[in-house]
Amino acid sequence: FYSSVEGDSDSPLLPEGLGIFVSNAFIFFLGILATRAEPGLKVLAEQVKSLTNCVMKRKKTVYSVALGVGIGMVAGTSRLQFDFDIYPYLGVMYAVALIVTIFSREIVAKVAWDSAGVTTGPVTVPFVLSIGLSYARSRLLPSGFGILACASVGP
């Protein structure tokens, strides 16, 4: 949306700021859709519903995990957009996850970590990796490393 393409007089299609916003919104919603299609997430949501005596509804579990993946994918692609080091970001996010785990009830911690594991299923992984590789290629970067880690820490 916002990068010049050699030989295309109509590029870029959008100004840089608007193009970044549009591409991030697109990636966010694609992350949500891919996660909603994940079969393991549906199983997890049903188990959470039964463990919590229907307090935590299936839709609530599915959408909270999907939102986390969408946010994580935007964070991962932002690394590619703005070329910052991913290790401090991941270090902070996983440190926060560990600290919250220590102070959470056991059932909450188990569901949270299982939610992160669900994002590494047969639907989400190929999708997230293809987004990362194609985004990195469009930005002329060597790899899209870290997008899956960001998508997994989101939930």
C-alpha atoms as a PDB file:
ATOM      1  CA  PHE A   1       0.000   0.000   0.000  1.00  0.00           C
ATOM      2  CA  TYR A   2       2.715   2.469   0.861  1.00  0.00           C
ATOM      3  CA  SER A   3       5.891   1.211  -0.815  1.00  0.00           C
ATOM      4  CA  SER A   4       7.160   2.269  -4.213  1.00  0.00           C
ATOM      5  CA  VAL A   5       7.373  -0.480  -6.791  1.00  0.00           C
ATOM      6  CA  GLU A   6      10.031  -0.135  -9.447  1.00  0.00           C
ATOM      7  CA  GLY A   7       8.436   0.261 -12.864  1.00  0.00           C
ATOM      8  CA  ASP A   8       4.964   1.101 -11.498  1.00  0.00           C
ATOM      9  CA  SER A   9       4.145   4.768 -11.929  1.00  0.00           C
ATOM     10  CA  ASP A  10       1.018   4.454  -9.748  1.00  0.00           C
ATOM     11  CA  SER A  11       2.877   3.319  -6.635  1.00  0.00           C
ATOM     12  CA  PRO A  12       2.623   3.870  -3.773  1.00  0.00           C
ATOM     13  CA  LEU A  13      -1.154   3.648  -3.554  1.00  0.00           C
ATOM     14  CA  LEU A  14      -1.409   5.400  -0.191  1.00  0.00           C
ATOM     15  CA  PRO A  15       0.664   7.837   1.852  1.00  0.00           C
ATOM     16  CA  GLU A  16       2.997   6.037   4.256  1.00  0.00           C
ATOM     17  CA  GLY A  17       1.053   6.629   7.492  1.00  0.00           C
ATOM     18  CA  LEU A  18      -2.293   5.627   6.019  1.00  0.00           C
ATOM     19  CA  GLY A  19      -0.701   2.653   4.243  1.00  0.00           C
ATOM     20  CA  ILE A  20       0.802   1.369   7.498  1.00  0.00           C
ATOM     21  CA  PHE A  21      -2.565   1.720   9.204  1.00  0.00           C
ATOM     22  CA  VAL A  22      -4.405  -0.118   6.410  1.00  0.00           C
ATOM     23  CA  SER A  23      -1.846  -2.940   6.245  1.00  0.00           C
ATOM     24  CA  ASN A  24      -1.868  -3.363  10.051  1.00  0.00           C
ATOM     25  CA  ALA A  25      -5.685  -3.424  10.125  1.00  0.00           C
ATOM     26  CA  PHE A  26      -5.661  -6.024   7.348  1.00  0.00           C
ATOM     27  CA  ILE A  27      -3.096  -8.182   9.168  1.00  0.00           C
ATOM     28  CA  PHE A  28      -5.033  -7.831  12.443  1.00  0.00           C
ATOM     29  CA  PHE A  29      -8.296  -9.036  10.917  1.00  0.00           C
ATOM     30  CA  LEU A  30      -6.605 -11.847   8.981  1.00  0.00           C
ATOM     31  CA  GLY A  31      -5.014 -13.027  12.235  1.00  0.00           C
ATOM     32  CA  ILE A  32      -8.419 -13.079  13.904  1.00  0.00           C
ATOM     33  CA  LEU A  33      -9.992 -15.010  11.039  1.00  0.00           C
ATOM     34  CA  ALA A  34      -7.203 -17.585  10.848  1.00  0.00           C
ATOM     35  CA  THR A  35      -7.323 -18.171  14.588  1.00  0.00           C
ATOM     36  CA  ARG A  36     -11.101 -18.563  14.598  1.00  0.00           C
ATOM     37  CA  ALA A  37     -10.696 -21.369  12.049  1.00  0.00           C
ATOM     38  CA  GLU A  38      -8.240 -23.244  14.276  1.00  0.00           C
ATOM     39  CA  PRO A  39      -9.794 -26.603  15.278  1.00  0.00           C
ATOM     40  CA  GLY A  40      -7.760 -26.862  18.495  1.00  0.00           C
ATOM     41  CA  LEU A  41      -9.160 -23.546  19.690  1.00  0.00           C
ATOM     42  CA  LYS A  42     -12.712 -24.850  19.431  1.00  0.00           C
ATOM     43  CA  VAL A  43     -11.777 -27.867  21.538  1.00  0.00           C
ATOM     44  CA  LEU A  44     -10.020 -25.646  24.093  1.00  0.00           C
ATOM     45  CA  ALA A  45     -13.012 -23.295  24.262  1.00  0.00           C
ATOM     46  CA  GLU A  46     -15.350 -26.209  24.936  1.00  0.00           C
ATOM     47  CA  GLN A  47     -13.073 -27.524  27.691  1.00  0.00           C
ATOM     48  CA  VAL A  48     -12.825 -24.067  29.276  1.00  0.00           C
ATOM     49  CA  LYS A  49     -16.602 -23.767  29.183  1.00  0.00           C
ATOM     50  CA  SER A  50     -17.026 -27.083  31.005  1.00  0.00           C
ATOM     51  CA  LEU A  51     -14.233 -26.388  33.523  1.00  0.00           C
ATOM     52  CA  THR A  52     -15.708 -23.021  34.475  1.00  0.00           C
ATOM     53  CA  ASN A  53     -19.298 -24.325  34.684  1.00  0.00           C
ATOM     54  CA  CYS A  54     -20.323 -22.174  31.699  1.00  0.00           C
ATOM     55  CA  VAL A  55     -18.951 -18.952  33.255  1.00  0.00           C
ATOM     56  CA  MET A  56     -16.465 -18.563  30.406  1.00  0.00           C
ATOM     57  CA  LYS A  57     -18.448 -18.975  27.199  1.00  0.00           C
ATOM     58  CA  ARG A  58     -16.983 -20.532  24.048  1.00  0.00           C
ATOM     59  CA  LYS A  59     -17.262 -17.289  22.068  1.00  0.00           C
ATOM     60  CA  LYS A  60     -15.464 -15.330  24.779  1.00  0.00           C
ATOM     61  CA  THR A  61     -12.542 -17.775  24.782  1.00  0.00           C
ATOM     62  CA  VAL A  62     -12.322 -17.927  20.986  1.00  0.00           C
ATOM     63  CA  TYR A  63     -12.458 -14.163  20.514  1.00  0.00           C
ATOM     64  CA  SER A  64     -10.023 -13.366  23.317  1.00  0.00           C
ATOM     65  CA  VAL A  65      -7.438 -15.754  21.839  1.00  0.00           C
ATOM     66  CA  ALA A  66      -8.111 -14.458  18.315  1.00  0.00           C
ATOM     67  CA  LEU A  67      -7.706 -10.838  19.433  1.00  0.00           C
ATOM     68  CA  GLY A  68      -4.419 -11.720  21.115  1.00  0.00           C
ATOM     69  CA  VAL A  69      -3.152 -13.356  17.924  1.00  0.00           C
ATOM     70  CA  GLY A  70      -4.239 -10.368  15.833  1.00  0.00           C
ATOM     71  CA  ILE A  71      -2.462  -7.951  18.159  1.00  0.00           C
ATOM     72  CA  GLY A  72       0.626 -10.165  18.209  1.00  0.00           C
ATOM     73  CA  MET A  73       0.711 -10.317  14.424  1.00  0.00           C
ATOM     74  CA  VAL A  74       0.535  -6.526  14.211  1.00  0.00           C
ATOM     75  CA  ALA A  75       3.386  -6.315  16.734  1.00  0.00           C
ATOM     76  CA  GLY A  76       5.426  -8.791  14.699  1.00  0.00           C
ATOM     77  CA  THR A  77       4.876  -7.012  11.406  1.00  0.00           C
ATOM     78  CA  SER A  78       5.571  -3.670  13.089  1.00  0.00           C
ATOM     79  CA  ARG A  79       9.041  -5.029  13.738  1.00  0.00           C
ATOM     80  CA  LEU A  80       9.404  -5.400   9.987  1.00  0.00           C
ATOM     81  CA  GLN A  81       7.855  -2.027   9.235  1.00  0.00           C
ATOM     82  CA  PHE A  82       9.996  -0.041  11.630  1.00  0.00           C
ATOM     83  CA  ASP A  83      13.028  -2.358  11.738  1.00  0.00           C
ATOM     84  CA  PHE A  84      13.409  -2.683  15.509  1.00  0.00           C
ATOM     85  CA  ASP A  85      14.966  -5.548  17.443  1.00  0.00           C
ATOM     86  CA  ILE A  86      12.405  -8.141  18.458  1.00  0.00           C
ATOM     87  CA  TYR A  87      14.257  -9.628  21.432  1.00  0.00           C
ATOM     88  CA  PRO A  88      13.479  -6.833  23.924  1.00  0.00           C
ATOM     89  CA  TYR A  89       9.818  -6.910  22.920  1.00  0.00           C
ATOM     90  CA  LEU A  90       9.561 -10.682  23.304  1.00  0.00           C
ATOM     91  CA  GLY A  91      11.543 -10.562  26.541  1.00  0.00           C
ATOM     92  CA  VAL A  92       9.152  -8.045  28.060  1.00  0.00           C
ATOM     93  CA  MET A  93       6.034  -9.837  26.802  1.00  0.00           C
ATOM     94  CA  TYR A  94       7.111 -13.263  28.045  1.00  0.00           C
ATOM     95  CA  ALA A  95       8.304 -11.751  31.353  1.00  0.00           C
ATOM     96  CA  VAL A  96       4.862 -10.193  31.809  1.00  0.00           C
ATOM     97  CA  ALA A  97       3.270 -13.565  30.964  1.00  0.00           C
ATOM     98  CA  LEU A  98       5.451 -15.328  33.548  1.00  0.00           C
ATOM     99  CA  ILE A  99       4.749 -12.736  36.240  1.00  0.00           C
ATOM    100  CA  VAL A 100       1.003 -12.898  35.603  1.00  0.00           C
ATOM    101  CA  THR A 101       1.271 -16.705  35.733  1.00  0.00           C
ATOM    102  CA  ILE A 102       2.868 -16.573  39.173  1.00  0.00           C
ATOM    103  CA  PHE A 103       0.053 -14.428  40.586  1.00  0.00           C
ATOM    104  CA  SER A 104      -2.861 -16.125  38.791  1.00  0.00           C
ATOM    105  CA  ARG A 105      -4.998 -19.006  39.898  1.00  0.00           C
ATOM    106  CA  GLU A 106      -3.803 -22.326  38.507  1.00  0.00           C
ATOM    107  CA  ILE A 107      -6.779 -22.791  36.172  1.00  0.00           C
ATOM    108  CA  VAL A 108      -6.286 -19.334  34.677  1.00  0.00           C
ATOM    109  CA  ALA A 109      -2.604 -19.971  34.059  1.00  0.00           C
ATOM    110  CA  LYS A 110      -3.293 -23.315  32.416  1.00  0.00           C
ATOM    111  CA  VAL A 111      -5.928 -21.862  30.105  1.00  0.00           C
ATOM    112  CA  ALA A 112      -3.701 -18.918  29.197  1.00  0.00           C
ATOM    113  CA  TRP A 113      -0.695 -21.052  28.279  1.00  0.00           C
ATOM    114  CA  ASP A 114      -2.875 -23.544  26.418  1.00  0.00           C
ATOM    115  CA  SER A 115      -4.351 -20.624  24.487  1.00  0.00           C
ATOM    116  CA  ALA A 116      -0.872 -19.672  23.373  1.00  0.00           C
ATOM    117  CA  GLY A 117      -0.229 -23.273  22.363  1.00  0.00           C
ATOM    118  CA  VAL A 118      -3.408 -23.392  20.287  1.00  0.00           C
ATOM    119  CA  THR A 119      -2.001 -20.641  18.090  1.00  0.00           C
ATOM    120  CA  THR A 120       0.610 -23.095  16.838  1.00  0.00           C
ATOM    121  CA  GLY A 121      -1.974 -25.286  15.126  1.00  0.00           C
ATOM    122  CA  PRO A 122      -2.315 -26.436  11.513  1.00  0.00           C
ATOM    123  CA  VAL A 123      -4.295 -23.399  10.350  1.00  0.00           C
ATOM    124  CA  THR A 124      -2.624 -20.503  12.137  1.00  0.00           C
ATOM    125  CA  VAL A 125       1.062 -21.410  11.734  1.00  0.00           C
ATOM    126  CA  PRO A 126       1.214 -21.619   7.926  1.00  0.00           C
ATOM    127  CA  PHE A 127      -0.874 -18.491   7.701  1.00  0.00           C
ATOM    128  CA  VAL A 128       1.232 -16.461  10.119  1.00  0.00           C
ATOM    129  CA  LEU A 129       4.495 -17.657   8.573  1.00  0.00           C
ATOM    130  CA  SER A 130       3.339 -16.857   5.044  1.00  0.00           C
ATOM    131  CA  ILE A 131       2.316 -13.357   6.150  1.00  0.00           C
ATOM    132  CA  GLY A 132       5.731 -12.861   7.764  1.00  0.00           C
ATOM    133  CA  LEU A 133       7.688 -14.145   4.788  1.00  0.00           C
ATOM    134  CA  SER A 134       5.726 -12.200   2.210  1.00  0.00           C
ATOM    135  CA  TYR A 135       5.791  -9.038   4.309  1.00  0.00           C
ATOM    136  CA  ALA A 136       9.537  -9.339   4.803  1.00  0.00           C
ATOM    137  CA  ARG A 137      10.044  -9.947   1.090  1.00  0.00           C
ATOM    138  CA  SER A 138       7.972  -6.876   0.199  1.00  0.00           C
ATOM    139  CA  ARG A 139      10.104  -4.793   2.577  1.00  0.00           C
ATOM    140  CA  LEU A 140      13.313  -6.312   1.134  1.00  0.00           C
ATOM    141  CA  LEU A 141      14.275  -7.823   4.495  1.00  0.00           C
ATOM    142  CA  PRO A 142      16.058 -11.168   4.877  1.00  0.00           C
ATOM    143  CA  SER A 143      13.337 -12.847   6.988  1.00  0.00           C
ATOM    144  CA  GLY A 144      10.096 -12.366   8.870  1.00  0.00           C
ATOM    145  CA  PHE A 145      11.538 -13.936  12.019  1.00  0.00           C
ATOM    146  CA  GLY A 146       9.521 -13.475  15.175  1.00  0.00           C
ATOM    147  CA  ILE A 147       5.985 -13.010  13.908  1.00  0.00           C
ATOM    148  CA  LEU A 148       4.852 -16.428  15.135  1.00  0.00           C
ATOM    149  CA  ALA A 149       6.413 -15.787  18.557  1.00  0.00           C
ATOM    150  CA  CYS A 150       4.551 -12.472  18.734  1.00  0.00           C
ATOM    151  CA  ALA A 151       1.297 -14.121  17.643  1.00  0.00           C
ATOM    152  CA  SER A 152       1.720 -16.802  20.326  1.00  0.00           C
ATOM    153  CA  VAL A 153       2.431 -14.428  23.196  1.00  0.00           C
ATOM    154  CA  GLY A 154      -0.627 -12.330  22.345  1.00  0.00           C
ATOM    155  CA  PRO A 155      -3.223 -14.675  23.839  1.00  0.00           C
END
